[in-house]
Amino acid sequence: MIGVAILIVTGAVFQSNGAKYNMLVSLGSIAGTLVIIMLLHYLTPGKTRQSLVLGKRGMVVLVMYLVVLYGATTVFILPERLPRTVLPYLLIFLWYLLAIGLLWIDRFTPQRRVVERTVFSVRDLSICVVLLLGATVLFSLISQVSYAILLVFFVSLMGAGVVLFSWSVIMLIKQRISGN
C-alpha cells in the first residue's frame, strides 16, 4: 500500500506540474489516461502480463514508432532548442540501442511460469482512482508544496532509475549465463 500511495502522489504531483497547476487541465489529462487504461483492460480480456513481451513484429513497430516520433516531432517542436552538435544525438541513439538490445536479448531468456493473481479488487482500484483525482486537485492548488515534492521525487527517481537499470542488466546476464 505504501507503493500505491507513492505512485498516487508521484502521478498527481507530476501531472499538476506538467499542466502548470491548472486543475481542469490536470484532471482532464488524468481522466483521459484512466479512460485509455480502462478501454485497454476491457478490450483485452484474458491477457496476461506475459502477453506484453514484445515479439519480432512488436519490436519492429516500436523502432518505427521511435523513428517517426523523433523524426517528425523534432522539426516541429521548438527546433531552436535542438543541440547543434552530434554528441547528444549519438548518446540518445546509443541509449536506445542499448535498451532495445536488452529487450531483444530478454525475449530469448527462458520464461518462468508467472502465476497470475489479482492484487487489487475493482473496489480497491476505484478507491485509488478517487485518491489520484483528489491528490491531483490538491497538488494543483498548492503549487509551492507540490513543486518541492516534485523535486524530491525527481531526484529520487533518477537514483532509483540507475539502480533498477543496473539490477535489471545484472539479472538478465545471470539468467542468460545460468540458462534459467
N, C-alpha and C. Protein backbone atom coordinates (compact mmCIF):
# COMPACT_ATOMS: atom_id res chain seq x y z
N MET A 1 0.82 -1.21 0.00
CA MET A 1 0.00 0.00 0.00
C MET A 1 0.86 1.27 0.00
N ILE A 2 2.05 1.17 0.59
CA ILE A 2 2.94 2.33 0.58
C ILE A 2 3.35 2.64 -0.86
N GLY A 3 3.64 1.61 -1.64
CA GLY A 3 3.99 1.80 -3.05
C GLY A 3 2.87 2.44 -3.83
N VAL A 4 1.64 2.02 -3.56
CA VAL A 4 0.48 2.61 -4.25
C VAL A 4 0.34 4.08 -3.87
N ALA A 5 0.51 4.38 -2.59
CA ALA A 5 0.41 5.77 -2.14
C ALA A 5 1.49 6.63 -2.81
N ILE A 6 2.70 6.09 -2.92
CA ILE A 6 3.79 6.83 -3.58
C ILE A 6 3.45 7.05 -5.05
N LEU A 7 2.90 6.03 -5.70
CA LEU A 7 2.51 6.18 -7.11
C LEU A 7 1.42 7.24 -7.29
N ILE A 8 0.47 7.25 -6.39
CA ILE A 8 -0.61 8.25 -6.47
C ILE A 8 -0.05 9.65 -6.30
N VAL A 9 0.77 9.85 -5.27
CA VAL A 9 1.34 11.18 -5.03
C VAL A 9 2.26 11.58 -6.18
N THR A 10 3.10 10.66 -6.63
CA THR A 10 4.01 10.97 -7.74
C THR A 10 3.23 11.35 -8.99
N GLY A 11 2.23 10.53 -9.34
CA GLY A 11 1.42 10.82 -10.52
C GLY A 11 0.73 12.17 -10.43
N ALA A 12 0.15 12.45 -9.28
CA ALA A 12 -0.58 13.71 -9.10
C ALA A 12 0.35 14.91 -9.15
N VAL A 13 1.52 14.78 -8.52
CA VAL A 13 2.47 15.90 -8.50
C VAL A 13 3.02 16.18 -9.89
N PHE A 14 3.45 15.12 -10.59
CA PHE A 14 4.00 15.32 -11.92
C PHE A 14 2.91 15.85 -12.88
N GLN A 15 1.70 15.34 -12.76
CA GLN A 15 0.62 15.78 -13.63
C GLN A 15 0.27 17.25 -13.36
N SER A 16 0.18 17.61 -12.11
CA SER A 16 -0.13 19.00 -11.77
C SER A 16 0.93 19.95 -12.30
N ASN A 17 2.18 19.58 -12.13
CA ASN A 17 3.27 20.41 -12.62
C ASN A 17 3.26 20.48 -14.14
N GLY A 18 3.03 19.36 -14.80
CA GLY A 18 3.01 19.33 -16.26
C GLY A 18 1.91 20.18 -16.84
N ALA A 19 0.83 20.34 -16.10
CA ALA A 19 -0.30 21.17 -16.56
C ALA A 19 -0.20 22.59 -16.00
N LYS A 20 0.97 22.94 -15.48
CA LYS A 20 1.22 24.27 -14.91
C LYS A 20 0.20 24.61 -13.82
N TYR A 21 -0.15 23.60 -13.05
CA TYR A 21 -1.04 23.72 -11.89
C TYR A 21 -2.44 24.20 -12.27
N ASN A 22 -2.84 23.94 -13.51
CA ASN A 22 -4.19 24.21 -13.96
C ASN A 22 -5.02 22.97 -13.64
N MET A 23 -5.90 23.10 -12.66
CA MET A 23 -6.65 21.95 -12.15
C MET A 23 -7.48 21.26 -13.23
N LEU A 24 -8.16 22.01 -14.07
CA LEU A 24 -9.02 21.40 -15.10
C LEU A 24 -8.20 20.64 -16.13
N VAL A 25 -7.07 21.20 -16.53
CA VAL A 25 -6.20 20.51 -17.48
C VAL A 25 -5.65 19.23 -16.85
N SER A 26 -5.22 19.32 -15.59
CA SER A 26 -4.70 18.15 -14.88
C SER A 26 -5.74 17.04 -14.78
N LEU A 27 -6.93 17.41 -14.35
CA LEU A 27 -8.00 16.41 -14.22
C LEU A 27 -8.38 15.83 -15.58
N GLY A 28 -8.44 16.67 -16.59
CA GLY A 28 -8.76 16.18 -17.93
C GLY A 28 -7.74 15.20 -18.44
N SER A 29 -6.48 15.50 -18.20
CA SER A 29 -5.41 14.60 -18.64
C SER A 29 -5.44 13.28 -17.88
N ILE A 30 -5.59 13.35 -16.57
CA ILE A 30 -5.67 12.12 -15.76
C ILE A 30 -6.89 11.31 -16.18
N ALA A 31 -8.02 11.96 -16.36
CA ALA A 31 -9.24 11.25 -16.76
C ALA A 31 -9.05 10.58 -18.12
N GLY A 32 -8.43 11.28 -19.05
CA GLY A 32 -8.16 10.69 -20.37
C GLY A 32 -7.27 9.47 -20.27
N THR A 33 -6.25 9.55 -19.45
CA THR A 33 -5.34 8.41 -19.26
C THR A 33 -6.09 7.24 -18.64
N LEU A 34 -6.93 7.51 -17.65
CA LEU A 34 -7.69 6.44 -17.00
C LEU A 34 -8.67 5.80 -17.97
N VAL A 35 -9.28 6.60 -18.84
CA VAL A 35 -10.20 6.05 -19.84
C VAL A 35 -9.45 5.12 -20.79
N ILE A 36 -8.27 5.52 -21.23
CA ILE A 36 -7.47 4.67 -22.12
C ILE A 36 -7.10 3.36 -21.42
N ILE A 37 -6.70 3.44 -20.17
CA ILE A 37 -6.36 2.23 -19.41
C ILE A 37 -7.56 1.32 -19.28
N MET A 38 -8.72 1.88 -18.96
CA MET A 38 -9.94 1.06 -18.82
C MET A 38 -10.32 0.42 -20.15
N LEU A 39 -10.24 1.18 -21.23
CA LEU A 39 -10.55 0.63 -22.55
C LEU A 39 -9.63 -0.52 -22.91
N LEU A 40 -8.33 -0.32 -22.70
CA LEU A 40 -7.38 -1.40 -22.99
C LEU A 40 -7.65 -2.62 -22.12
N HIS A 41 -8.01 -2.39 -20.88
CA HIS A 41 -8.32 -3.50 -19.97
C HIS A 41 -9.52 -4.29 -20.48
N TYR A 42 -10.57 -3.60 -20.87
CA TYR A 42 -11.79 -4.29 -21.31
C TYR A 42 -11.68 -4.85 -22.72
N LEU A 43 -10.82 -4.28 -23.55
CA LEU A 43 -10.65 -4.78 -24.90
C LEU A 43 -9.70 -5.98 -25.00
N THR A 44 -9.01 -6.27 -23.89
CA THR A 44 -8.06 -7.39 -23.89
C THR A 44 -8.35 -8.37 -22.76
N PRO A 45 -9.54 -8.96 -22.75
CA PRO A 45 -9.85 -9.88 -21.66
C PRO A 45 -8.98 -11.14 -21.74
N GLY A 46 -8.57 -11.62 -20.60
CA GLY A 46 -7.80 -12.85 -20.54
C GLY A 46 -6.32 -12.69 -20.85
N LYS A 47 -5.87 -11.49 -21.15
CA LYS A 47 -4.45 -11.27 -21.43
C LYS A 47 -3.68 -11.28 -20.12
N THR A 48 -2.45 -11.79 -20.19
CA THR A 48 -1.59 -11.84 -19.02
C THR A 48 -0.46 -10.83 -19.18
N ARG A 49 0.30 -10.66 -18.12
CA ARG A 49 1.46 -9.78 -18.21
C ARG A 49 2.46 -10.30 -19.23
N GLN A 50 2.53 -11.60 -19.39
CA GLN A 50 3.45 -12.20 -20.36
C GLN A 50 3.11 -11.76 -21.78
N SER A 51 1.85 -11.45 -22.05
CA SER A 51 1.46 -11.04 -23.40
C SER A 51 2.00 -9.66 -23.74
N LEU A 52 2.55 -8.94 -22.76
CA LEU A 52 3.15 -7.63 -23.03
C LEU A 52 4.56 -7.74 -23.58
N VAL A 53 5.17 -8.92 -23.54
CA VAL A 53 6.52 -9.11 -24.06
C VAL A 53 6.49 -8.89 -25.57
N LEU A 54 7.39 -8.06 -26.05
CA LEU A 54 7.43 -7.74 -27.47
C LEU A 54 8.00 -8.89 -28.28
N GLY A 55 7.31 -9.23 -29.34
CA GLY A 55 7.82 -10.20 -30.31
C GLY A 55 8.58 -9.46 -31.39
N LYS A 56 8.88 -10.17 -32.48
CA LYS A 56 9.62 -9.56 -33.57
C LYS A 56 8.83 -8.41 -34.19
N ARG A 57 7.54 -8.63 -34.44
CA ARG A 57 6.70 -7.59 -35.04
C ARG A 57 6.57 -6.39 -34.09
N GLY A 58 6.38 -6.66 -32.81
CA GLY A 58 6.26 -5.58 -31.83
C GLY A 58 7.53 -4.75 -31.74
N MET A 59 8.68 -5.42 -31.83
CA MET A 59 9.95 -4.71 -31.77
C MET A 59 10.12 -3.81 -33.00
N VAL A 60 9.73 -4.32 -34.16
CA VAL A 60 9.81 -3.52 -35.39
C VAL A 60 8.89 -2.31 -35.29
N VAL A 61 7.67 -2.51 -34.79
CA VAL A 61 6.72 -1.40 -34.62
C VAL A 61 7.29 -0.38 -33.64
N LEU A 62 7.89 -0.83 -32.55
CA LEU A 62 8.47 0.07 -31.56
C LEU A 62 9.57 0.92 -32.18
N VAL A 63 10.47 0.30 -32.93
CA VAL A 63 11.57 1.04 -33.55
C VAL A 63 11.02 2.04 -34.58
N MET A 64 10.05 1.61 -35.39
CA MET A 64 9.45 2.52 -36.37
C MET A 64 8.77 3.70 -35.68
N TYR A 65 8.07 3.42 -34.57
CA TYR A 65 7.41 4.48 -33.81
C TYR A 65 8.44 5.49 -33.30
N LEU A 66 9.54 5.01 -32.75
CA LEU A 66 10.57 5.91 -32.23
C LEU A 66 11.18 6.76 -33.35
N VAL A 67 11.41 6.16 -34.50
CA VAL A 67 11.96 6.91 -35.63
C VAL A 67 10.99 8.01 -36.06
N VAL A 68 9.71 7.65 -36.19
CA VAL A 68 8.70 8.64 -36.58
C VAL A 68 8.56 9.70 -35.50
N LEU A 69 8.51 9.27 -34.24
CA LEU A 69 8.37 10.22 -33.13
C LEU A 69 9.48 11.26 -33.16
N TYR A 70 10.71 10.81 -33.22
CA TYR A 70 11.82 11.75 -33.21
C TYR A 70 11.94 12.50 -34.53
N GLY A 71 11.77 11.80 -35.63
CA GLY A 71 11.92 12.44 -36.93
C GLY A 71 10.88 13.50 -37.19
N ALA A 72 9.63 13.20 -36.90
CA ALA A 72 8.55 14.13 -37.19
C ALA A 72 8.46 15.26 -36.17
N THR A 73 8.55 14.92 -34.90
CA THR A 73 8.33 15.95 -33.88
C THR A 73 9.53 16.86 -33.68
N THR A 74 10.72 16.38 -33.98
CA THR A 74 11.91 17.20 -33.78
C THR A 74 11.85 18.48 -34.60
N VAL A 75 11.31 18.38 -35.78
CA VAL A 75 11.25 19.54 -36.66
C VAL A 75 10.22 20.56 -36.19
N PHE A 76 9.13 20.06 -35.59
CA PHE A 76 8.02 20.95 -35.27
C PHE A 76 8.02 21.47 -33.83
N ILE A 77 8.64 20.75 -32.91
CA ILE A 77 8.58 21.15 -31.51
C ILE A 77 9.87 21.86 -31.12
N LEU A 78 9.79 23.16 -31.02
CA LEU A 78 10.89 24.01 -30.57
C LEU A 78 12.23 23.65 -31.22
N PRO A 79 12.34 23.76 -32.52
CA PRO A 79 13.59 23.40 -33.18
C PRO A 79 14.78 24.24 -32.71
N GLU A 80 14.52 25.42 -32.17
CA GLU A 80 15.62 26.26 -31.68
C GLU A 80 16.31 25.67 -30.45
N ARG A 81 15.65 24.72 -29.80
CA ARG A 81 16.26 24.09 -28.61
C ARG A 81 17.06 22.85 -28.96
N LEU A 82 17.09 22.49 -30.20
CA LEU A 82 17.83 21.29 -30.60
C LEU A 82 19.33 21.53 -30.49
N PRO A 83 20.06 20.53 -30.02
CA PRO A 83 21.53 20.68 -29.95
C PRO A 83 22.12 20.88 -31.35
N ARG A 84 23.19 21.62 -31.40
CA ARG A 84 23.85 21.91 -32.68
C ARG A 84 25.02 20.96 -32.94
N THR A 85 25.35 20.12 -31.95
CA THR A 85 26.46 19.17 -32.11
C THR A 85 25.92 17.75 -32.26
N VAL A 86 26.78 16.84 -32.65
CA VAL A 86 26.38 15.46 -32.92
C VAL A 86 26.32 14.63 -31.63
N LEU A 87 27.13 14.96 -30.63
CA LEU A 87 27.25 14.13 -29.43
C LEU A 87 25.92 13.84 -28.73
N PRO A 88 25.06 14.83 -28.48
CA PRO A 88 23.79 14.49 -27.81
C PRO A 88 22.95 13.49 -28.60
N TYR A 89 22.93 13.64 -29.92
CA TYR A 89 22.16 12.71 -30.75
C TYR A 89 22.77 11.32 -30.69
N LEU A 90 24.08 11.27 -30.70
CA LEU A 90 24.77 9.98 -30.65
C LEU A 90 24.50 9.27 -29.32
N LEU A 91 24.53 10.03 -28.22
CA LEU A 91 24.27 9.43 -26.91
C LEU A 91 22.83 8.91 -26.80
N ILE A 92 21.88 9.68 -27.30
CA ILE A 92 20.48 9.24 -27.29
C ILE A 92 20.34 7.97 -28.12
N PHE A 93 20.95 7.96 -29.30
CA PHE A 93 20.89 6.79 -30.17
C PHE A 93 21.49 5.58 -29.48
N LEU A 94 22.64 5.75 -28.81
CA LEU A 94 23.29 4.63 -28.12
C LEU A 94 22.44 4.11 -26.96
N TRP A 95 21.80 5.00 -26.20
CA TRP A 95 20.94 4.56 -25.10
C TRP A 95 19.75 3.76 -25.62
N TYR A 96 19.14 4.25 -26.70
CA TYR A 96 18.03 3.50 -27.28
C TYR A 96 18.51 2.16 -27.83
N LEU A 97 19.66 2.15 -28.46
CA LEU A 97 20.22 0.91 -28.99
C LEU A 97 20.47 -0.08 -27.85
N LEU A 98 20.99 0.41 -26.74
CA LEU A 98 21.22 -0.45 -25.57
C LEU A 98 19.90 -0.99 -25.03
N ALA A 99 18.91 -0.11 -24.86
CA ALA A 99 17.61 -0.54 -24.31
C ALA A 99 16.93 -1.55 -25.23
N ILE A 100 16.92 -1.27 -26.52
CA ILE A 100 16.28 -2.19 -27.46
C ILE A 100 17.06 -3.50 -27.52
N GLY A 101 18.37 -3.42 -27.45
CA GLY A 101 19.19 -4.63 -27.42
C GLY A 101 18.89 -5.50 -26.20
N LEU A 102 18.74 -4.86 -25.05
CA LEU A 102 18.40 -5.61 -23.84
C LEU A 102 17.01 -6.24 -23.95
N LEU A 103 16.05 -5.50 -24.51
CA LEU A 103 14.72 -6.09 -24.73
C LEU A 103 14.80 -7.27 -25.68
N TRP A 104 15.61 -7.14 -26.72
CA TRP A 104 15.76 -8.21 -27.70
C TRP A 104 16.39 -9.44 -27.05
N ILE A 105 17.43 -9.25 -26.26
CA ILE A 105 18.09 -10.37 -25.57
C ILE A 105 17.13 -11.02 -24.59
N ASP A 106 16.38 -10.21 -23.87
CA ASP A 106 15.47 -10.73 -22.85
C ASP A 106 14.37 -11.60 -23.44
N ARG A 107 13.99 -11.35 -24.67
CA ARG A 107 12.91 -12.17 -25.24
C ARG A 107 13.35 -13.60 -25.48
N PHE A 108 14.67 -13.84 -25.51
CA PHE A 108 15.18 -15.19 -25.68
C PHE A 108 15.46 -15.88 -24.35
N THR A 109 15.29 -15.15 -23.25
CA THR A 109 15.52 -15.72 -21.93
C THR A 109 14.37 -16.66 -21.60
N PRO A 110 14.69 -17.90 -21.14
CA PRO A 110 13.60 -18.82 -20.77
C PRO A 110 12.70 -18.18 -19.72
N GLN A 111 11.40 -18.28 -19.93
CA GLN A 111 10.45 -17.65 -19.03
C GLN A 111 10.04 -18.60 -17.92
N ARG A 112 10.02 -18.07 -16.73
CA ARG A 112 9.46 -18.84 -15.62
C ARG A 112 7.95 -18.70 -15.69
N ARG A 113 7.26 -19.69 -15.19
CA ARG A 113 5.81 -19.62 -15.19
C ARG A 113 5.37 -18.53 -14.22
N VAL A 114 4.65 -17.56 -14.74
CA VAL A 114 4.17 -16.45 -13.93
C VAL A 114 2.79 -16.80 -13.42
N VAL A 115 2.64 -16.77 -12.11
CA VAL A 115 1.34 -17.05 -11.52
C VAL A 115 0.56 -15.74 -11.51
N GLU A 116 -0.49 -15.72 -12.31
CA GLU A 116 -1.30 -14.51 -12.39
C GLU A 116 -2.30 -14.50 -11.24
N ARG A 117 -2.34 -13.41 -10.55
CA ARG A 117 -3.33 -13.27 -9.49
C ARG A 117 -3.75 -11.82 -9.42
N THR A 118 -4.91 -11.61 -8.92
CA THR A 118 -5.42 -10.26 -8.78
C THR A 118 -4.95 -9.71 -7.45
N VAL A 119 -4.26 -8.59 -7.53
CA VAL A 119 -3.75 -7.97 -6.32
C VAL A 119 -4.79 -7.04 -5.73
N PHE A 120 -5.45 -6.30 -6.60
CA PHE A 120 -6.45 -5.34 -6.15
C PHE A 120 -7.80 -5.70 -6.73
N SER A 121 -8.82 -5.48 -5.94
CA SER A 121 -10.18 -5.69 -6.44
C SER A 121 -10.62 -4.44 -7.20
N VAL A 122 -11.74 -4.52 -7.87
CA VAL A 122 -12.28 -3.36 -8.58
C VAL A 122 -12.56 -2.23 -7.58
N ARG A 123 -13.02 -2.60 -6.40
CA ARG A 123 -13.29 -1.60 -5.37
C ARG A 123 -11.99 -0.89 -4.96
N ASP A 124 -10.92 -1.67 -4.76
CA ASP A 124 -9.63 -1.08 -4.39
C ASP A 124 -9.14 -0.12 -5.48
N LEU A 125 -9.25 -0.55 -6.73
CA LEU A 125 -8.81 0.31 -7.83
C LEU A 125 -9.67 1.58 -7.93
N SER A 126 -10.96 1.44 -7.66
CA SER A 126 -11.84 2.62 -7.67
C SER A 126 -11.42 3.61 -6.60
N ILE A 127 -11.07 3.12 -5.44
CA ILE A 127 -10.60 3.98 -4.35
C ILE A 127 -9.31 4.69 -4.77
N CYS A 128 -8.41 3.94 -5.41
CA CYS A 128 -7.15 4.53 -5.89
C CYS A 128 -7.40 5.63 -6.91
N VAL A 129 -8.36 5.42 -7.81
CA VAL A 129 -8.69 6.44 -8.81
C VAL A 129 -9.22 7.70 -8.12
N VAL A 130 -10.09 7.54 -7.15
CA VAL A 130 -10.64 8.69 -6.42
C VAL A 130 -9.50 9.42 -5.69
N LEU A 131 -8.61 8.66 -5.06
CA LEU A 131 -7.48 9.29 -4.36
C LEU A 131 -6.56 10.01 -5.34
N LEU A 132 -6.33 9.43 -6.52
CA LEU A 132 -5.49 10.06 -7.54
C LEU A 132 -6.12 11.37 -8.00
N LEU A 133 -7.41 11.36 -8.27
CA LEU A 133 -8.08 12.59 -8.69
C LEU A 133 -8.06 13.64 -7.58
N GLY A 134 -8.30 13.22 -6.35
CA GLY A 134 -8.25 14.14 -5.21
C GLY A 134 -6.86 14.72 -5.01
N ALA A 135 -5.84 13.88 -5.12
CA ALA A 135 -4.46 14.36 -4.97
C ALA A 135 -4.11 15.32 -6.10
N THR A 136 -4.59 15.06 -7.30
CA THR A 136 -4.33 15.96 -8.43
C THR A 136 -4.93 17.33 -8.17
N VAL A 137 -6.16 17.36 -7.65
CA VAL A 137 -6.79 18.64 -7.30
C VAL A 137 -5.97 19.34 -6.22
N LEU A 138 -5.62 18.61 -5.18
CA LEU A 138 -4.88 19.19 -4.06
C LEU A 138 -3.55 19.77 -4.53
N PHE A 139 -2.78 19.00 -5.31
CA PHE A 139 -1.47 19.47 -5.73
C PHE A 139 -1.55 20.57 -6.78
N SER A 140 -2.67 20.66 -7.47
CA SER A 140 -2.86 21.79 -8.38
C SER A 140 -3.11 23.08 -7.60
N LEU A 141 -3.68 22.96 -6.41
CA LEU A 141 -3.99 24.13 -5.59
C LEU A 141 -2.81 24.63 -4.77
N ILE A 142 -1.94 23.71 -4.35
CA ILE A 142 -0.80 24.10 -3.51
C ILE A 142 0.50 23.93 -4.31
N SER A 143 0.71 24.82 -5.25
CA SER A 143 1.80 24.65 -6.21
C SER A 143 3.20 24.68 -5.58
N GLN A 144 3.42 25.50 -4.55
CA GLN A 144 4.76 25.55 -3.94
C GLN A 144 5.10 24.23 -3.26
N VAL A 145 4.17 23.70 -2.51
CA VAL A 145 4.39 22.40 -1.84
C VAL A 145 4.54 21.31 -2.90
N SER A 146 3.69 21.37 -3.90
CA SER A 146 3.72 20.39 -4.98
C SER A 146 5.08 20.40 -5.68
N TYR A 147 5.61 21.59 -5.94
CA TYR A 147 6.89 21.71 -6.62
C TYR A 147 8.03 21.15 -5.77
N ALA A 148 7.98 21.37 -4.48
CA ALA A 148 9.01 20.83 -3.58
C ALA A 148 8.96 19.29 -3.59
N ILE A 149 7.77 18.74 -3.52
CA ILE A 149 7.61 17.28 -3.57
C ILE A 149 8.10 16.75 -4.92
N LEU A 150 7.78 17.48 -5.99
CA LEU A 150 8.22 17.09 -7.33
C LEU A 150 9.74 17.00 -7.40
N LEU A 151 10.43 17.97 -6.86
CA LEU A 151 11.89 17.96 -6.89
C LEU A 151 12.46 16.76 -6.14
N VAL A 152 11.89 16.47 -4.97
CA VAL A 152 12.35 15.31 -4.19
C VAL A 152 12.12 14.02 -4.98
N PHE A 153 10.93 13.87 -5.55
CA PHE A 153 10.63 12.67 -6.34
C PHE A 153 11.53 12.59 -7.57
N PHE A 154 11.75 13.70 -8.23
CA PHE A 154 12.54 13.72 -9.46
C PHE A 154 13.96 13.23 -9.18
N VAL A 155 14.59 13.78 -8.15
CA VAL A 155 15.95 13.37 -7.79
C VAL A 155 15.96 11.91 -7.35
N SER A 156 14.97 11.51 -6.54
CA SER A 156 14.89 10.12 -6.08
C SER A 156 14.70 9.15 -7.25
N LEU A 157 13.87 9.53 -8.20
CA LEU A 157 13.61 8.66 -9.34
C LEU A 157 14.84 8.52 -10.24
N MET A 158 15.66 9.57 -10.32
CA MET A 158 16.89 9.45 -11.11
C MET A 158 17.80 8.41 -10.47
N GLY A 159 17.96 8.47 -9.16
CA GLY A 159 18.78 7.47 -8.47
C GLY A 159 18.19 6.08 -8.57
N ALA A 160 16.88 5.98 -8.39
CA ALA A 160 16.21 4.68 -8.49
C ALA A 160 16.34 4.12 -9.90
N GLY A 161 16.30 4.99 -10.90
CA GLY A 161 16.44 4.54 -12.29
C GLY A 161 17.78 3.88 -12.54
N VAL A 162 18.84 4.49 -12.02
CA VAL A 162 20.18 3.92 -12.18
C VAL A 162 20.26 2.56 -11.48
N VAL A 163 19.73 2.50 -10.27
CA VAL A 163 19.77 1.24 -9.51
C VAL A 163 18.94 0.16 -10.22
N LEU A 164 17.72 0.48 -10.64
CA LEU A 164 16.86 -0.50 -11.30
C LEU A 164 17.43 -0.96 -12.64
N PHE A 165 17.99 -0.03 -13.39
CA PHE A 165 18.59 -0.39 -14.67
C PHE A 165 19.77 -1.34 -14.45
N SER A 166 20.64 -0.99 -13.51
CA SER A 166 21.80 -1.84 -13.22
C SER A 166 21.35 -3.22 -12.74
N TRP A 167 20.39 -3.25 -11.85
CA TRP A 167 19.88 -4.53 -11.34
C TRP A 167 19.27 -5.36 -12.46
N SER A 168 18.52 -4.73 -13.35
CA SER A 168 17.90 -5.45 -14.47
C SER A 168 18.96 -6.06 -15.39
N VAL A 169 20.00 -5.29 -15.68
CA VAL A 169 21.07 -5.81 -16.55
C VAL A 169 21.78 -6.97 -15.87
N ILE A 170 22.07 -6.84 -14.59
CA ILE A 170 22.74 -7.92 -13.85
C ILE A 170 21.87 -9.17 -13.84
N MET A 171 20.58 -9.02 -13.56
CA MET A 171 19.67 -10.18 -13.54
C MET A 171 19.56 -10.82 -14.92
N LEU A 172 19.53 -10.03 -15.96
CA LEU A 172 19.45 -10.55 -17.32
C LEU A 172 20.71 -11.35 -17.66
N ILE A 173 21.85 -10.81 -17.29
CA ILE A 173 23.11 -11.51 -17.55
C ILE A 173 23.16 -12.81 -16.76
N LYS A 174 22.74 -12.78 -15.49
CA LYS A 174 22.71 -14.00 -14.68
C LYS A 174 21.79 -15.04 -15.29
N GLN A 175 20.61 -14.63 -15.76
CA GLN A 175 19.68 -15.57 -16.38
C GLN A 175 20.24 -16.17 -17.64
N ARG A 176 20.92 -15.35 -18.44
CA ARG A 176 21.48 -15.85 -19.70
C ARG A 176 22.63 -16.81 -19.44
N ILE A 177 23.43 -16.54 -18.41
CA ILE A 177 24.56 -17.42 -18.09
C ILE A 177 24.07 -18.73 -17.51
N SER A 178 23.11 -18.66 -16.58
CA SER A 178 22.63 -19.89 -15.92
C SER A 178 21.62 -20.65 -16.77
N GLY A 179 20.99 -19.97 -17.74
CA GLY A 179 20.00 -20.63 -18.60
C GLY A 179 18.64 -20.79 -17.93
N ASN A 180 18.42 -20.16 -16.78
CA ASN A 180 17.12 -20.23 -16.08
C ASN A 180 16.30 -19.04 -16.36
